[in-house]
Amino acid sequence: MTLGQLICLTREAIGLTLRDVERLSGLSNAFIGQLETGWVDDISLRNAVKLGKALGLSLEQMAATNPRKGSRRESGKAKRRWRHVP
């Protein structure tokens, strides 16, 4: 399961729309939608924390996902790599 799939399934399971998650996380619904569909598969640690809080997911749960499997961008990277944003 990719991070986007985890986000989508969790969001739908708790009955939230993209707009709800946007309001709760402070991230744009377009960005969240792109994560869910695999158009974007790179996320900063700061944004991961915001999404995790909004959806009730831990960083460990999000990091345990396969970052590229089934995403629109295929890569040989096996581990999630958080981008540091100062």
C-alpha atoms as a PDB file:
ATOM      1  CA  MET A   1       0.000   0.000   0.000  1.00  0.00           C
ATOM      2  CA  THR A   2       1.288   3.454  -0.875  1.00  0.00           C
ATOM      3  CA  LEU A   3       1.077   6.511   1.357  1.00  0.00           C
ATOM      4  CA  GLY A   4      -1.575   7.944  -0.944  1.00  0.00           C
ATOM      5  CA  GLN A   5      -3.695   4.820  -0.659  1.00  0.00           C
ATOM      6  CA  LEU A   6      -3.368   4.878   3.136  1.00  0.00           C
ATOM      7  CA  ILE A   7      -4.418   8.526   3.230  1.00  0.00           C
ATOM      8  CA  CYS A   8      -7.386   7.914   0.933  1.00  0.00           C
ATOM      9  CA  LEU A   9      -8.623   4.815   2.751  1.00  0.00           C
ATOM     10  CA  THR A  10      -8.255   6.441   6.167  1.00  0.00           C
ATOM     11  CA  ARG A  11      -9.977   9.640   5.046  1.00  0.00           C
ATOM     12  CA  GLU A  12     -12.902   7.709   3.573  1.00  0.00           C
ATOM     13  CA  ALA A  13     -13.135   5.353   6.571  1.00  0.00           C
ATOM     14  CA  ILE A  14     -13.614   8.261   8.978  1.00  0.00           C
ATOM     15  CA  GLY A  15     -15.986  10.026   6.608  1.00  0.00           C
ATOM     16  CA  LEU A  16     -13.922  13.054   5.666  1.00  0.00           C
ATOM     17  CA  THR A  17     -13.827  14.865   2.331  1.00  0.00           C
ATOM     18  CA  LEU A  18     -10.702  16.360   0.808  1.00  0.00           C
ATOM     19  CA  ARG A  19     -11.991  19.771   1.931  1.00  0.00           C
ATOM     20  CA  ASP A  20     -12.341  18.489   5.499  1.00  0.00           C
ATOM     21  CA  VAL A  21      -8.740  17.269   5.517  1.00  0.00           C
ATOM     22  CA  GLU A  22      -7.648  20.564   3.961  1.00  0.00           C
ATOM     23  CA  ARG A  23      -9.321  22.464   6.797  1.00  0.00           C
ATOM     24  CA  LEU A  24      -7.910  20.155   9.491  1.00  0.00           C
ATOM     25  CA  SER A  25      -4.358  19.945   8.134  1.00  0.00           C
ATOM     26  CA  GLY A  26      -3.807  23.330   6.507  1.00  0.00           C
ATOM     27  CA  LEU A  27      -2.681  21.579   3.309  1.00  0.00           C
ATOM     28  CA  SER A  28      -4.440  22.238   0.011  1.00  0.00           C
ATOM     29  CA  ASN A  29      -7.052  19.737  -1.111  1.00  0.00           C
ATOM     30  CA  ALA A  30      -5.299  19.664  -4.498  1.00  0.00           C
ATOM     31  CA  PHE A  31      -2.058  18.508  -2.858  1.00  0.00           C
ATOM     32  CA  ILE A  32      -3.872  15.890  -0.776  1.00  0.00           C
ATOM     33  CA  GLY A  33      -5.694  14.648  -3.869  1.00  0.00           C
ATOM     34  CA  GLN A  34      -2.415  14.414  -5.773  1.00  0.00           C
ATOM     35  CA  LEU A  35      -0.931  12.357  -2.935  1.00  0.00           C
ATOM     36  CA  GLU A  36      -3.929  10.037  -2.968  1.00  0.00           C
ATOM     37  CA  THR A  37      -3.759   9.468  -6.728  1.00  0.00           C
ATOM     38  CA  GLY A  38       0.016   9.072  -6.859  1.00  0.00           C
ATOM     39  CA  TRP A  39       0.770  12.179  -8.904  1.00  0.00           C
ATOM     40  CA  VAL A  40       2.827  13.394  -5.957  1.00  0.00           C
ATOM     41  CA  ASP A  41       4.706  10.828  -3.927  1.00  0.00           C
ATOM     42  CA  ASP A  42       7.201  13.002  -2.062  1.00  0.00           C
ATOM     43  CA  ILE A  43       6.104  14.671   1.161  1.00  0.00           C
ATOM     44  CA  SER A  44       7.962  16.754   3.706  1.00  0.00           C
ATOM     45  CA  LEU A  45       8.094  15.676   7.322  1.00  0.00           C
ATOM     46  CA  ARG A  46       6.210  18.841   8.272  1.00  0.00           C
ATOM     47  CA  ASN A  47       3.347  17.986   5.910  1.00  0.00           C
ATOM     48  CA  ALA A  48       3.353  14.340   7.009  1.00  0.00           C
ATOM     49  CA  VAL A  49       2.871  15.464  10.612  1.00  0.00           C
ATOM     50  CA  LYS A  50      -0.005  17.756   9.585  1.00  0.00           C
ATOM     51  CA  LEU A  51      -1.720  14.966   7.638  1.00  0.00           C
ATOM     52  CA  GLY A  52      -1.128  12.464  10.412  1.00  0.00           C
ATOM     53  CA  LYS A  53      -2.751  14.722  12.996  1.00  0.00           C
ATOM     54  CA  ALA A  54      -5.727  15.422  10.720  1.00  0.00           C
ATOM     55  CA  LEU A  55      -6.321  11.732   9.998  1.00  0.00           C
ATOM     56  CA  GLY A  56      -5.209  10.149  13.271  1.00  0.00           C
ATOM     57  CA  LEU A  57      -2.238   8.409  11.672  1.00  0.00           C
ATOM     58  CA  SER A  58       1.184   8.075  13.262  1.00  0.00           C
ATOM     59  CA  LEU A  59       4.387   8.785  11.388  1.00  0.00           C
ATOM     60  CA  GLU A  60       5.261   5.126  11.879  1.00  0.00           C
ATOM     61  CA  GLN A  61       2.087   4.049  10.068  1.00  0.00           C
ATOM     62  CA  MET A  62       2.776   6.437   7.219  1.00  0.00           C
ATOM     63  CA  ALA A  63       6.462   5.515   6.972  1.00  0.00           C
ATOM     64  CA  ALA A  64       5.607   1.804   6.830  1.00  0.00           C
ATOM     65  CA  THR A  65       3.896   2.272   3.469  1.00  0.00           C
ATOM     66  CA  ASN A  66       5.616   1.390   0.238  1.00  0.00           C
ATOM     67  CA  PRO A  67       6.431   4.837  -1.152  1.00  0.00           C
ATOM     68  CA  ARG A  68       6.370   3.954  -4.833  1.00  0.00           C
ATOM     69  CA  LYS A  69       4.440   0.712  -5.327  1.00  0.00           C
ATOM     70  CA  GLY A  70       1.539   1.465  -7.613  1.00  0.00           C
ATOM     71  CA  SER A  71       2.299   5.160  -7.788  1.00  0.00           C
ATOM     72  CA  ARG A  72       2.531   7.024 -11.051  1.00  0.00           C
ATOM     73  CA  ARG A  73       6.237   7.524 -10.493  1.00  0.00           C
ATOM     74  CA  GLU A  74       8.047   4.223 -10.222  1.00  0.00           C
ATOM     75  CA  SER A  75      11.374   4.113  -8.437  1.00  0.00           C
ATOM     76  CA  GLY A  76      13.689   1.593  -6.855  1.00  0.00           C
ATOM     77  CA  LYS A  77      13.648   3.337  -3.465  1.00  0.00           C
ATOM     78  CA  ALA A  78      12.545   0.878  -0.817  1.00  0.00           C
ATOM     79  CA  LYS A  79      12.102   3.234   2.145  1.00  0.00           C
ATOM     80  CA  ARG A  80      10.137   6.411   2.627  1.00  0.00           C
ATOM     81  CA  ARG A  81      12.492   9.341   2.670  1.00  0.00           C
ATOM     82  CA  TRP A  82      11.226  12.419   4.421  1.00  0.00           C
ATOM     83  CA  ARG A  83      12.287  15.694   2.928  1.00  0.00           C
ATOM     84  CA  HIS A  84      13.508  18.167   5.515  1.00  0.00           C
ATOM     85  CA  VAL A  85      11.941  21.601   5.189  1.00  0.00           C
ATOM     86  CA  PRO A  86      13.406  24.221   7.512  1.00  0.00           C
END
